[in-house]
PDB file of N, CA and C in Angstrom:
ATOM      1  N   TRP A   1       3.426  10.088  -0.121  1.00  0.00           N
ATOM      2  CA  TRP A   1       3.347   9.030  -0.718  1.00  0.00           C
ATOM      3  C   TRP A   1       2.224   8.125  -0.110  1.00  0.00           C
ATOM      4  N   LEU A   2       1.788   8.030   1.369  1.00  0.00           N
ATOM      5  CA  LEU A   2      -0.041   7.508   1.947  1.00  0.00           C
ATOM      6  C   LEU A   2      -0.943   7.821   1.769  1.00  0.00           C
ATOM      7  N   SER A   3      -0.393   9.186   1.104  1.00  0.00           N
ATOM      8  CA  SER A   3      -2.429  10.095   0.543  1.00  0.00           C
ATOM      9  C   SER A   3      -2.470  10.076  -0.615  1.00  0.00           C
ATOM     10  N   LYS A   4      -1.207   9.557  -1.457  1.00  0.00           N
ATOM     11  CA  LYS A   4      -1.595   9.783  -3.102  1.00  0.00           C
ATOM     12  C   LYS A   4      -1.978   8.429  -3.678  1.00  0.00           C
ATOM     13  N   PRO A   5      -2.665   8.703  -4.536  1.00  0.00           N
ATOM     14  CA  PRO A   5      -3.708   7.487  -5.269  1.00  0.00           C
ATOM     15  C   PRO A   5      -2.393   6.885  -5.816  1.00  0.00           C
ATOM     16  N   LYS A   6      -2.174   5.158  -5.630  1.00  0.00           N
ATOM     17  CA  LYS A   6      -1.300   4.095  -6.284  1.00  0.00           C
ATOM     18  C   LYS A   6      -2.239   3.105  -6.727  1.00  0.00           C
ATOM     19  N   THR A   7      -2.038   3.237  -8.632  1.00  0.00           N
ATOM     20  CA  THR A   7      -2.345   2.094  -9.581  1.00  0.00           C
ATOM     21  C   THR A   7      -2.507   0.509  -8.456  1.00  0.00           C
ATOM     22  N   ARG A   8      -1.527   0.084  -8.124  1.00  0.00           N
ATOM     23  CA  ARG A   8      -1.016  -1.208  -7.422  1.00  0.00           C
ATOM     24  C   ARG A   8      -2.710  -1.610  -6.193  1.00  0.00           C
ATOM     25  N   PHE A   9      -3.026  -0.305  -6.074  1.00  0.00           N
ATOM     26  CA  PHE A   9      -4.346  -0.086  -4.653  1.00  0.00           C
ATOM     27  C   PHE A   9      -5.526   0.255  -5.640  1.00  0.00           C
ATOM     28  N   SER A  10      -5.743   0.052  -6.796  1.00  0.00           N
ATOM     29  CA  SER A  10      -6.975   0.399  -7.706  1.00  0.00           C
ATOM     30  C   SER A  10      -7.100   2.111  -7.347  1.00  0.00           C
ATOM     31  N   GLY A  11      -5.953   2.523  -7.486  1.00  0.00           N
ATOM     32  CA  GLY A  11      -6.987   3.975  -7.830  1.00  0.00           C
ATOM     33  C   GLY A  11      -6.610   4.626  -6.548  1.00  0.00           C
ATOM     34  N   HIS A  12      -6.634   3.876  -5.181  1.00  0.00           N
ATOM     35  CA  HIS A  12      -7.225   4.400  -4.195  1.00  0.00           C
ATOM     36  C   HIS A  12      -5.750   4.498  -3.582  1.00  0.00           C
ATOM     37  N   SER A  13      -5.643   5.642  -1.996  1.00  0.00           N
ATOM     38  CA  SER A  13      -4.376   5.845  -1.500  1.00  0.00           C
ATOM     39  C   SER A  13      -4.364   4.814  -0.910  1.00  0.00           C
ATOM     40  N   PRO A  14      -2.717   4.702   0.120  1.00  0.00           N
ATOM     41  CA  PRO A  14      -2.392   3.860   1.275  1.00  0.00           C
ATOM     42  C   PRO A  14      -3.100   4.261   2.032  1.00  0.00           C
ATOM     43  N   ILE A  15      -3.475   5.250   2.249  1.00  0.00           N
ATOM     44  CA  ILE A  15      -4.235   5.701   3.792  1.00  0.00           C
ATOM     45  C   ILE A  15      -5.128   5.501   3.982  1.00  0.00           C
ATOM     46  N   ALA A  16      -5.952   5.358   2.311  1.00  0.00           N
ATOM     47  CA  ALA A  16      -7.324   4.638   2.174  1.00  0.00           C
ATOM     48  C   ALA A  16      -7.541   3.777   2.546  1.00  0.00           C
ATOM     49  N   MET A  17      -6.927   2.912   1.865  1.00  0.00           N
ATOM     50  CA  MET A  17      -6.470   1.256   2.140  1.00  0.00           C
ATOM     51  C   MET A  17      -6.549   0.998   3.865  1.00  0.00           C
ATOM     52  N   LEU A  18      -6.159   1.409   4.936  1.00  0.00           N
ATOM     53  CA  LEU A  18      -6.430   1.411   5.925  1.00  0.00           C
ATOM     54  C   LEU A  18      -7.284   1.115   6.986  1.00  0.00           C
ATOM     55  N   SER A  19      -8.632   1.037   6.077  1.00  0.00           N
ATOM     56  CA  SER A  19      -9.934   1.416   6.911  1.00  0.00           C
ATOM     57  C   SER A  19     -10.313   0.252   6.246  1.00  0.00           C
ATOM     58  N   THR A  20      -9.535  -1.234   5.759  1.00  0.00           N
ATOM     59  CA  THR A  20      -9.955  -2.344   5.878  1.00  0.00           C
ATOM     60  C   THR A  20      -9.101  -3.284   6.508  1.00  0.00           C
ATOM     61  N   SER A  21      -9.211  -4.583   6.653  1.00  0.00           N
ATOM     62  CA  SER A  21      -7.954  -5.366   7.201  1.00  0.00           C
ATOM     63  C   SER A  21      -7.493  -5.654   6.037  1.00  0.00           C
ATOM     64  N   GLN A  22      -7.808  -6.394   5.367  1.00  0.00           N
ATOM     65  CA  GLN A  22      -7.389  -6.348   3.764  1.00  0.00           C
ATOM     66  C   GLN A  22      -6.846  -5.157   3.320  1.00  0.00           C
ATOM     67  N   GLY A  23      -6.946  -3.909   3.185  1.00  0.00           N
ATOM     68  CA  GLY A  23      -6.377  -3.489   2.629  1.00  0.00           C
ATOM     69  C   GLY A  23      -4.816  -3.209   3.056  1.00  0.00           C
ATOM     70  N   THR A  24      -5.361  -3.035   4.777  1.00  0.00           N
ATOM     71  CA  THR A  24      -3.686  -2.929   5.798  1.00  0.00           C
ATOM     72  C   THR A  24      -2.996  -3.964   5.835  1.00  0.00           C
ATOM     73  N   ARG A  25      -3.300  -5.455   5.308  1.00  0.00           N
ATOM     74  CA  ARG A  25      -2.327  -6.727   4.341  1.00  0.00           C
ATOM     75  C   ARG A  25      -1.728  -5.464   3.334  1.00  0.00           C
ATOM     76  N   GLN A  26      -2.715  -5.268   2.769  1.00  0.00           N
ATOM     77  CA  GLN A  26      -1.681  -5.102   1.156  1.00  0.00           C
ATOM     78  C   GLN A  26      -0.737  -4.079   1.035  1.00  0.00           C
ATOM     79  N   VAL A  27      -1.154  -3.059   2.260  1.00  0.00           N
ATOM     80  CA  VAL A  27      -0.107  -2.166   2.804  1.00  0.00           C
ATOM     81  C   VAL A  27       1.244  -2.109   3.129  1.00  0.00           C
ATOM     82  N   GLU A  28       0.813  -2.912   4.390  1.00  0.00           N
ATOM     83  CA  GLU A  28       2.154  -3.415   5.096  1.00  0.00           C
ATOM     84  C   GLU A  28       2.809  -4.820   3.910  1.00  0.00           C
ATOM     85  N   GLU A  29       2.108  -5.357   3.023  1.00  0.00           N
ATOM     86  CA  GLU A  29       3.528  -6.356   2.039  1.00  0.00           C
ATOM     87  C   GLU A  29       3.940  -5.361   1.069  1.00  0.00           C
ATOM     88  N   VAL A  30       3.628  -3.899   0.772  1.00  0.00           N
ATOM     89  CA  VAL A  30       3.958  -3.489   0.310  1.00  0.00           C
ATOM     90  C   VAL A  30       5.185  -2.394   0.879  1.00  0.00           C
ATOM     91  N   LEU A  31       5.214  -2.234   1.911  1.00  0.00           N
ATOM     92  CA  LEU A  31       6.132  -1.551   2.550  1.00  0.00           C
ATOM     93  C   LEU A  31       7.472  -2.853   2.938  1.00  0.00           C
ATOM     94  N   ILE A  32       6.875  -3.999   3.103  1.00  0.00           N
ATOM     95  CA  ILE A  32       8.437  -4.718   3.230  1.00  0.00           C
ATOM     96  C   ILE A  32       8.658  -4.963   2.212  1.00  0.00           C
ATOM     97  N   GLN A  33       8.189  -5.072   0.758  1.00  0.00           N
ATOM     98  CA  GLN A  33       8.607  -5.555  -0.386  1.00  0.00           C
ATOM     99  C   GLN A  33       9.643  -4.065  -0.240  1.00  0.00           C
ATOM    100  N   LEU A  34       9.355  -2.878  -0.027  1.00  0.00           N
ATOM    101  CA  LEU A  34       9.892  -1.798  -0.170  1.00  0.00           C
ATOM    102  C   LEU A  34      11.218  -1.837   1.366  1.00  0.00           C
ATOM    103  N   ALA A  35      11.321  -2.159   1.916  1.00  0.00           N
ATOM    104  CA  ALA A  35      12.298  -2.671   3.546  1.00  0.00           C
ATOM    105  C   ALA A  35      12.904  -3.166   2.363  1.00  0.00           C
ATOM    106  N   GLU A  36      12.453  -4.580   1.980  1.00  0.00           N
ATOM    107  CA  GLU A  36      13.389  -5.180   1.669  1.00  0.00           C
ATOM    108  C   GLU A  36      14.495  -5.383  -0.104  1.00  0.00           C
ATOM    109  N   GLY A  37      13.828  -3.790  -0.840  1.00  0.00           N
ATOM    110  CA  GLY A  37      13.983  -3.683  -1.760  1.00  0.00           C
ATOM    111  C   GLY A  37      13.577  -4.329  -2.819  1.00  0.00           C
ATOM    112  N   LEU A  38      12.601  -4.910  -2.805  1.00  0.00           N
ATOM    113  CA  LEU A  38      11.991  -5.921  -3.881  1.00  0.00           C
ATOM    114  C   LEU A  38      10.782  -4.980  -4.994  1.00  0.00           C
ATOM    115  N   VAL A  39      10.838  -3.258  -4.167  1.00  0.00           N
ATOM    116  CA  VAL A  39       9.594  -2.785  -5.014  1.00  0.00           C
ATOM    117  C   VAL A  39      10.858  -1.555  -5.696  1.00  0.00           C
ATOM    118  N   PHE A  40      10.595  -0.848  -6.799  1.00  0.00           N
ATOM    119  CA  PHE A  40      11.293  -0.106  -7.247  1.00  0.00           C
ATOM    120  C   PHE A  40      10.660   1.201  -7.484  1.00  0.00           C
TER     121      PHE A  40
END
């Protein structure tokens, strides 16, 4: 999951998004949503 490009990250992989603080926040938000069952 971390290495595959995602539409929600404009075609970037979550692991690539972790190189910036803004990207890290976006990935963190998705992980929180997954944990809370808000993302399918």
